[in-house]
C-alpha atoms as a PDB file:
ATOM      1  CA  MET A   1      27.394  18.747   7.859  1.00  0.00           C
ATOM      2  CA  GLY A   2      28.119  21.349  10.246  1.00  0.00           C
ATOM      3  CA  GLY A   3      24.961  23.289   9.951  1.00  0.00           C
ATOM      4  CA  PHE A   4      23.517  19.654  11.198  1.00  0.00           C
ATOM      5  CA  GLU A   5      25.242  19.244  14.007  1.00  0.00           C
ATOM      6  CA  ASP A   6      24.673  22.532  14.980  1.00  0.00           C
ATOM      7  CA  PHE A   7      21.059  22.211  14.950  1.00  0.00           C
ATOM      8  CA  TRP A   8      20.925  19.044  16.438  1.00  0.00           C
ATOM      9  CA  SER A   9      23.293  20.187  19.045  1.00  0.00           C
ATOM     10  CA  ARG A  10      21.006  23.355  19.611  1.00  0.00           C
ATOM     11  CA  GLY A  11      17.874  21.368  19.735  1.00  0.00           C
ATOM     12  CA  ASP A  12      16.131  19.622  22.317  1.00  0.00           C
ATOM     13  CA  LEU A  13      14.772  16.048  23.433  1.00  0.00           C
ATOM     14  CA  ILE A  14      11.056  17.409  21.213  1.00  0.00           C
ATOM     15  CA  THR A  15      12.724  18.592  18.179  1.00  0.00           C
ATOM     16  CA  ARG A  16      15.160  15.423  18.190  1.00  0.00           C
ATOM     17  CA  SER A  17      12.240  13.152  18.693  1.00  0.00           C
ATOM     18  CA  VAL A  18      10.443  15.224  15.384  1.00  0.00           C
ATOM     19  CA  ALA A  19      13.524  14.781  13.605  1.00  0.00           C
ATOM     20  CA  GLY A  20      13.698  11.049  14.084  1.00  0.00           C
ATOM     21  CA  LEU A  21       9.870  10.467  13.349  1.00  0.00           C
ATOM     22  CA  LEU A  22      10.236  12.164  10.064  1.00  0.00           C
ATOM     23  CA  LEU A  23      13.059   9.871   8.980  1.00  0.00           C
ATOM     24  CA  ALA A  24      11.410   7.120  10.305  1.00  0.00           C
ATOM     25  CA  MET A  25       8.494   7.766   8.129  1.00  0.00           C
ATOM     26  CA  SER A  26      10.351   8.559   5.513  1.00  0.00           C
ATOM     27  CA  VAL A  27      12.610   5.113   5.682  1.00  0.00           C
ATOM     28  CA  SER A  28       8.980   3.271   6.087  1.00  0.00           C
ATOM     29  CA  ALA A  29       7.585   5.048   3.029  1.00  0.00           C
ATOM     30  CA  TRP A  30      10.068   4.111   0.504  1.00  0.00           C
ATOM     31  CA  VAL A  31      10.356   0.848   1.857  1.00  0.00           C
ATOM     32  CA  VAL A  32       6.966   0.339   1.395  1.00  0.00           C
ATOM     33  CA  ILE A  33       7.221   2.112  -2.672  1.00  0.00           C
ATOM     34  CA  PHE A  34      10.182   0.122  -3.697  1.00  0.00           C
ATOM     35  CA  TRP A  35       8.472  -3.133  -2.505  1.00  0.00           C
ATOM     36  CA  LYS A  36       4.938  -2.379  -3.832  1.00  0.00           C
ATOM     37  CA  SER A  37       6.859  -1.122  -6.899  1.00  0.00           C
ATOM     38  CA  TRP A  38       7.996  -4.781  -7.476  1.00  0.00           C
ATOM     39  CA  LEU A  39       4.655  -6.325  -6.450  1.00  0.00           C
ATOM     40  CA  LEU A  40       2.638  -4.907  -8.678  1.00  0.00           C
ATOM     41  CA  ARG A  41       4.704  -5.189 -11.595  1.00  0.00           C
ATOM     42  CA  ARG A  42       5.022  -8.567 -11.146  1.00  0.00           C
ATOM     43  CA  VAL A  43       1.272  -9.402 -10.483  1.00  0.00           C
ATOM     44  CA  ARG A  44       0.472  -7.303 -13.658  1.00  0.00           C
ATOM     45  CA  ARG A  45       2.821  -9.139 -15.956  1.00  0.00           C
ATOM     46  CA  ASP A  46       1.227 -12.718 -14.139  1.00  0.00           C
ATOM     47  CA  ILE A  47      -2.164 -11.674 -14.739  1.00  0.00           C
ATOM     48  CA  ALA A  48      -1.240 -10.749 -17.830  1.00  0.00           C
ATOM     49  CA  ARG A  49       0.408 -14.190 -19.328  1.00  0.00           C
ATOM     50  CA  ALA A  50      -1.624 -16.458 -16.574  1.00  0.00           C
ATOM     51  CA  VAL A  51      -5.204 -15.416 -17.930  1.00  0.00           C
ATOM     52  CA  PRO A  52      -4.894 -16.700 -21.524  1.00  0.00           C
ATOM     53  CA  ALA A  53      -2.853 -19.476 -20.270  1.00  0.00           C
ATOM     54  CA  PHE A  54      -5.667 -20.746 -18.368  1.00  0.00           C
ATOM     55  CA  TRP A  55      -8.333 -20.336 -20.947  1.00  0.00           C
ATOM     56  CA  SER A  56      -6.185 -21.900 -23.395  1.00  0.00           C
ATOM     57  CA  ALA A  57      -6.226 -25.374 -21.433  1.00  0.00           C
ATOM     58  CA  ALA A  58      -8.178 -28.150 -22.381  1.00  0.00           C
ATOM     59  CA  THR A  59      -9.154 -29.167 -18.877  1.00  0.00           C
ATOM     60  CA  LEU A  60      -9.760 -27.413 -15.713  1.00  0.00           C
ATOM     61  CA  ALA A  61      -6.652 -29.397 -14.563  1.00  0.00           C
ATOM     62  CA  ASP A  62      -4.504 -28.496 -17.416  1.00  0.00           C
ATOM     63  CA  GLY A  63      -5.371 -24.847 -16.415  1.00  0.00           C
ATOM     64  CA  ARG A  64      -4.628 -25.028 -12.653  1.00  0.00           C
ATOM     65  CA  ALA A  65      -1.203 -26.412 -13.537  1.00  0.00           C
ATOM     66  CA  GLN A  66      -1.101 -23.231 -16.106  1.00  0.00           C
ATOM     67  CA  LEU A  67      -2.189 -20.694 -13.700  1.00  0.00           C
ATOM     68  CA  ALA A  68       0.483 -22.751 -11.227  1.00  0.00           C
ATOM     69  CA  GLY A  69       3.399 -21.773 -13.381  1.00  0.00           C
ATOM     70  CA  PHE A  70       2.581 -18.038 -13.817  1.00  0.00           C
ATOM     71  CA  ASP A  71       0.527 -16.944 -10.676  1.00  0.00           C
ATOM     72  CA  ARG A  72       3.945 -16.323  -8.631  1.00  0.00           C
ATOM     73  CA  GLU A  73       1.829 -13.660  -6.312  1.00  0.00           C
ATOM     74  CA  ALA A  74      -1.231 -16.300  -6.117  1.00  0.00           C
ATOM     75  CA  VAL A  75      -3.897 -13.761  -6.898  1.00  0.00           C
ATOM     76  CA  LEU A  76      -5.339 -15.967  -9.340  1.00  0.00           C
ATOM     77  CA  LEU A  77      -5.222 -19.402  -8.014  1.00  0.00           C
ATOM     78  CA  PRO A  78      -7.561 -18.598  -5.110  1.00  0.00           C
ATOM     79  CA  LEU A  79     -10.229 -17.350  -7.109  1.00  0.00           C
ATOM     80  CA  LEU A  80     -10.044 -20.753  -9.005  1.00  0.00           C
ATOM     81  CA  GLU A  81      -9.821 -22.374  -5.868  1.00  0.00           C
ATOM     82  CA  ALA A  82     -12.940 -20.770  -4.551  1.00  0.00           C
ATOM     83  CA  ALA A  83     -14.497 -21.851  -7.959  1.00  0.00           C
ATOM     84  CA  MET A  84     -13.913 -25.490  -7.551  1.00  0.00           C
ATOM     85  CA  ALA A  85     -14.449 -25.522  -3.689  1.00  0.00           C
ATOM     86  CA  ALA A  86     -16.930 -28.157  -2.430  1.00  0.00           C
ATOM     87  CA  PRO A  87     -20.106 -26.728  -0.899  1.00  0.00           C
ATOM     88  CA  VAL A  88     -20.325 -27.582   2.997  1.00  0.00           C
ATOM     89  CA  GLN A  89     -23.632 -29.475   2.870  1.00  0.00           C
ATOM     90  CA  GLY A  90     -25.814 -28.968   5.879  1.00  0.00           C
ATOM     91  CA  THR A  91     -24.397 -25.256   6.222  1.00  0.00           C
ATOM     92  CA  LEU A  92     -26.234 -21.968   4.880  1.00  0.00           C
ATOM     93  CA  GLY A  93     -23.853 -21.742   2.621  1.00  0.00           C
ATOM     94  CA  GLY A  94     -23.862 -24.896   1.251  1.00  0.00           C
ATOM     95  CA  SER A  95     -28.056 -24.727   1.263  1.00  0.00           C
ATOM     96  CA  GLY A  96     -28.363 -21.701  -1.593  1.00  0.00           C
ATOM     97  CA  HIS A  97     -28.206 -22.171  -5.308  1.00  0.00           C
ATOM     98  CA  VAL A  98     -25.006 -22.735  -7.107  1.00  0.00           C
ATOM     99  CA  ASP A  99     -25.072 -19.439  -8.608  1.00  0.00           C
ATOM    100  CA  SER A 100     -24.873 -17.888  -5.082  1.00  0.00           C
ATOM    101  CA  GLN A 101     -22.754 -20.199  -3.624  1.00  0.00           C
ATOM    102  CA  LEU A 102     -20.272 -19.530  -6.461  1.00  0.00           C
ATOM    103  CA  THR A 103     -20.902 -15.562  -6.040  1.00  0.00           C
ATOM    104  CA  ARG A 104     -19.950 -15.340  -2.822  1.00  0.00           C
ATOM    105  CA  ARG A 105     -16.644 -17.955  -2.581  1.00  0.00           C
ATOM    106  CA  LEU A 106     -15.452 -15.898  -5.501  1.00  0.00           C
ATOM    107  CA  ARG A 107     -16.819 -12.667  -3.934  1.00  0.00           C
ATOM    108  CA  ASP A 108     -14.690 -13.461  -0.580  1.00  0.00           C
ATOM    109  CA  ALA A 109     -11.502 -14.859  -2.287  1.00  0.00           C
ATOM    110  CA  LEU A 110     -11.016 -11.831  -4.306  1.00  0.00           C
ATOM    111  CA  HIS A 111     -11.470  -9.338  -0.969  1.00  0.00           C
ATOM    112  CA  GLY A 112      -8.500 -11.688   0.111  1.00  0.00           C
ATOM    113  CA  VAL A 113      -6.526 -11.099  -2.811  1.00  0.00           C
ATOM    114  CA  LEU A 114      -7.170  -7.373  -2.827  1.00  0.00           C
ATOM    115  CA  ARG A 115      -6.476  -6.913   1.182  1.00  0.00           C
ATOM    116  CA  ASN A 116      -2.826  -8.351  -0.149  1.00  0.00           C
ATOM    117  CA  LEU A 117      -2.130  -6.080  -2.741  1.00  0.00           C
ATOM    118  CA  GLN A 118      -3.379  -3.057  -1.190  1.00  0.00           C
ATOM    119  CA  PHE A 119      -1.210  -3.824   1.802  1.00  0.00           C
ATOM    120  CA  GLY A 120       0.863  -0.894   2.847  1.00  0.00           C
ATOM    121  CA  GLN A 121      -1.447   1.951   0.945  1.00  0.00           C
ATOM    122  CA  VAL A 122      -2.592   3.139   4.584  1.00  0.00           C
ATOM    123  CA  LEU A 123       0.974   3.957   5.832  1.00  0.00           C
ATOM    124  CA  LEU A 124       1.550   5.590   2.669  1.00  0.00           C
ATOM    125  CA  ALA A 125      -1.460   7.684   3.122  1.00  0.00           C
ATOM    126  CA  SER A 126      -1.069   8.658   6.859  1.00  0.00           C
ATOM    127  CA  ILE A 127       2.171   9.170   6.059  1.00  0.00           C
ATOM    128  CA  GLY A 128       1.219  11.910   3.097  1.00  0.00           C
ATOM    129  CA  SER A 129      -1.202  13.561   5.385  1.00  0.00           C
ATOM    130  CA  THR A 130       0.770  14.049   8.289  1.00  0.00           C
ATOM    131  CA  ALA A 131       4.237  14.511   7.465  1.00  0.00           C
ATOM    132  CA  PRO A 132       4.093  18.320   6.527  1.00  0.00           C
ATOM    133  CA  PHE A 133       1.881  18.995  10.213  1.00  0.00           C
ATOM    134  CA  ILE A 134       4.748  17.299  11.882  1.00  0.00           C
ATOM    135  CA  GLY A 135       7.461  19.036  10.024  1.00  0.00           C
ATOM    136  CA  LEU A 136       5.116  22.591  10.649  1.00  0.00           C
ATOM    137  CA  PHE A 137       5.368  21.546  14.541  1.00  0.00           C
ATOM    138  CA  GLY A 138       8.975  20.702  14.714  1.00  0.00           C
ATOM    139  CA  THR A 139       9.517  24.280  12.945  1.00  0.00           C
ATOM    140  CA  VAL A 140       7.484  26.015  15.167  1.00  0.00           C
ATOM    141  CA  TRP A 141       9.008  23.953  18.325  1.00  0.00           C
ATOM    142  CA  GLY A 142      12.463  24.672  16.910  1.00  0.00           C
ATOM    143  CA  ILE A 143      11.991  28.310  16.398  1.00  0.00           C
ATOM    144  CA  TYR A 144      10.799  28.698  19.941  1.00  0.00           C
ATOM    145  CA  HIS A 145      13.174  27.152  21.679  1.00  0.00           C
ATOM    146  CA  ALA A 146      15.870  29.307  19.530  1.00  0.00           C
ATOM    147  CA  LEU A 147      14.254  32.195  20.637  1.00  0.00           C
ATOM    148  CA  VAL A 148      14.267  31.417  24.241  1.00  0.00           C
ATOM    149  CA  THR A 149      18.083  30.436  24.015  1.00  0.00           C
ATOM    150  CA  ILE A 150      19.070  33.402  22.589  1.00  0.00           C
ATOM    151  CA  SER A 151      17.047  35.564  24.770  1.00  0.00           C
ATOM    152  CA  THR A 152      18.752  34.196  27.402  1.00  0.00           C
ATOM    153  CA  ALA A 153      21.827  35.053  26.119  1.00  0.00           C
ATOM    154  CA  GLY A 154      21.732  38.979  26.396  1.00  0.00           C
ATOM    155  CA  ALA A 155      21.349  41.252  22.976  1.00  0.00           C
ATOM    156  CA  LEU A 156      19.704  40.328  20.101  1.00  0.00           C
ATOM    157  CA  THR A 157      20.897  40.543  16.607  1.00  0.00           C
ATOM    158  CA  ILE A 158      19.929  39.667  13.240  1.00  0.00           C
ATOM    159  CA  GLU A 159      22.832  37.047  13.348  1.00  0.00           C
ATOM    160  CA  LYS A 160      21.841  35.583  16.216  1.00  0.00           C
ATOM    161  CA  ILE A 161      18.196  34.920  14.996  1.00  0.00           C
ATOM    162  CA  SER A 162      18.706  33.732  11.599  1.00  0.00           C
ATOM    163  CA  GLY A 163      20.736  30.977  11.811  1.00  0.00           C
ATOM    164  CA  PRO A 164      18.782  28.802  14.645  1.00  0.00           C
ATOM    165  CA  VAL A 165      15.460  29.624  12.749  1.00  0.00           C
ATOM    166  CA  GLY A 166      16.711  29.148   9.590  1.00  0.00           C
ATOM    167  CA  GLU A 167      17.719  25.571  10.792  1.00  0.00           C
ATOM    168  CA  ALA A 168      14.487  24.897  12.565  1.00  0.00           C
ATOM    169  CA  LEU A 169      12.733  25.993   9.331  1.00  0.00           C
ATOM    170  CA  VAL A 170      14.659  22.927   7.591  1.00  0.00           C
ATOM    171  CA  MET A 171      12.034  20.829   9.728  1.00  0.00           C
ATOM    172  CA  THR A 172       9.129  22.128   7.212  1.00  0.00           C
ATOM    173  CA  ALA A 173      10.959  21.358   4.416  1.00  0.00           C
ATOM    174  CA  ALA A 174      11.780  17.729   5.280  1.00  0.00           C
ATOM    175  CA  GLY A 175       8.151  17.216   6.385  1.00  0.00           C
ATOM    176  CA  LEU A 176       7.444  17.941   2.940  1.00  0.00           C
ATOM    177  CA  ALA A 177      10.070  15.778   1.048  1.00  0.00           C
ATOM    178  CA  VAL A 178       8.840  13.161   3.592  1.00  0.00           C
ATOM    179  CA  ALA A 179       5.162  13.345   2.244  1.00  0.00           C
ATOM    180  CA  ILE A 180       5.218  14.150  -1.603  1.00  0.00           C
ATOM    181  CA  PRO A 181       6.759  10.793  -2.150  1.00  0.00           C
ATOM    182  CA  ALA A 182       4.529   8.875  -0.366  1.00  0.00           C
ATOM    183  CA  VAL A 183       1.297  10.364  -1.652  1.00  0.00           C
ATOM    184  CA  LEU A 184       2.656  10.148  -5.056  1.00  0.00           C
ATOM    185  CA  ALA A 185       3.485   6.751  -4.856  1.00  0.00           C
ATOM    186  CA  TYR A 186      -0.314   6.597  -3.110  1.00  0.00           C
ATOM    187  CA  ASN A 187      -1.728   7.673  -6.353  1.00  0.00           C
ATOM    188  CA  VAL A 188       0.110   5.549  -8.565  1.00  0.00           C
ATOM    189  CA  PHE A 189      -0.358   2.444  -6.647  1.00  0.00           C
ATOM    190  CA  GLY A 190      -4.283   3.058  -6.001  1.00  0.00           C
ATOM    191  CA  LYS A 191      -4.167   3.118  -9.903  1.00  0.00           C
ATOM    192  CA  ALA A 192      -2.600  -0.047 -10.549  1.00  0.00           C
ATOM    193  CA  VAL A 193      -4.561  -1.850  -7.902  1.00  0.00           C
ATOM    194  CA  ALA A 194      -8.202  -0.426  -9.456  1.00  0.00           C
ATOM    195  CA  ALA A 195      -6.333  -1.990 -12.879  1.00  0.00           C
ATOM    196  CA  CYS A 196      -5.721  -5.577 -10.892  1.00  0.00           C
ATOM    197  CA  GLU A 197      -8.956  -5.084  -9.570  1.00  0.00           C
ATOM    198  CA  ALA A 198     -10.535  -4.870 -12.710  1.00  0.00           C
ATOM    199  CA  GLU A 199      -8.810  -7.477 -14.491  1.00  0.00           C
ATOM    200  CA  LEU A 200      -9.344  -9.725 -11.311  1.00  0.00           C
ATOM    201  CA  GLU A 201     -13.176  -9.305 -11.452  1.00  0.00           C
ATOM    202  CA  GLY A 202     -13.087 -10.131 -15.272  1.00  0.00           C
ATOM    203  CA  TYR A 203     -11.761 -13.131 -14.632  1.00  0.00           C
ATOM    204  CA  ALA A 204     -13.661 -14.146 -11.245  1.00  0.00           C
ATOM    205  CA  HIS A 205     -16.650 -13.221 -13.870  1.00  0.00           C
ATOM    206  CA  ASP A 206     -15.935 -15.279 -16.882  1.00  0.00           C
ATOM    207  CA  LEU A 207     -15.007 -18.513 -14.060  1.00  0.00           C
ATOM    208  CA  ARG A 208     -18.511 -18.354 -12.315  1.00  0.00           C
ATOM    209  CA  GLU A 209     -20.139 -18.701 -15.188  1.00  0.00           C
ATOM    210  CA  MET A 210     -18.119 -21.220 -16.532  1.00  0.00           C
ATOM    211  CA  VAL A 211     -18.023 -23.319 -13.255  1.00  0.00           C
ATOM    212  CA  ALA A 212     -22.188 -22.818 -13.155  1.00  0.00           C
ATOM    213  CA  ASP A 213     -22.550 -24.320 -16.375  1.00  0.00           C
ATOM    214  CA  LEU A 214     -20.685 -27.032 -15.674  1.00  0.00           C
ATOM    215  CA  ALA A 215     -22.504 -27.696 -12.747  1.00  0.00           C
ATOM    216  CA  ARG A 216     -26.158 -27.405 -14.699  1.00  0.00           C
ATOM    217  CA  ASP A 217     -24.663 -29.749 -17.233  1.00  0.00           C
ATOM    218  CA  ALA A 218     -23.669 -32.130 -14.943  1.00  0.00           C
ATOM    219  CA  ALA A 219     -27.060 -31.710 -12.774  1.00  0.00           C
ATOM    220  CA  ALA A 220     -28.654 -32.477 -16.543  1.00  0.00           C
END
């Protein structure tokens, strides 16, 4: 603990700001990591249970009730609601073919769901790409500040240099410690979101075909 206190007391405003920024980035990254781990686990479990339950229902009303019971994060219900929405008459969106209208509504709903699932990914990518450089900047500035301070004290010895310089090098390690979990989490969450996207696209495609068939049967 004394080493950190010595480093903090020797550091200037820039050194302390860099350390505070790295701490804030680390806390933000871990909050996102824990939250997205919990969220994506729930989403994948809900999709695995809700989609078979929907297709085993006897009617659309029963299928919607099944989705409402399983879809805790609302990733499937927006697709069903978009597919069943009545077109707005007198607009360009409501004047096209029924298949085109379904495709457009389902695409927009799917994009909205994916935006929610991808929330936090940009933060993790930004932290993972910038934290090492912030830590390196802190190291360079810390070494410069330490050498300036030592030079004003008179005679230079290896003992006087090694302590402050070694403490400044910790900033590089801190930057890597912040960046590595963020990068790993970004890659893991990217694969999880891609798997959810594939499942949602498959459900949206099947839903589109079913609603289009129902519309054609009703028109006939």
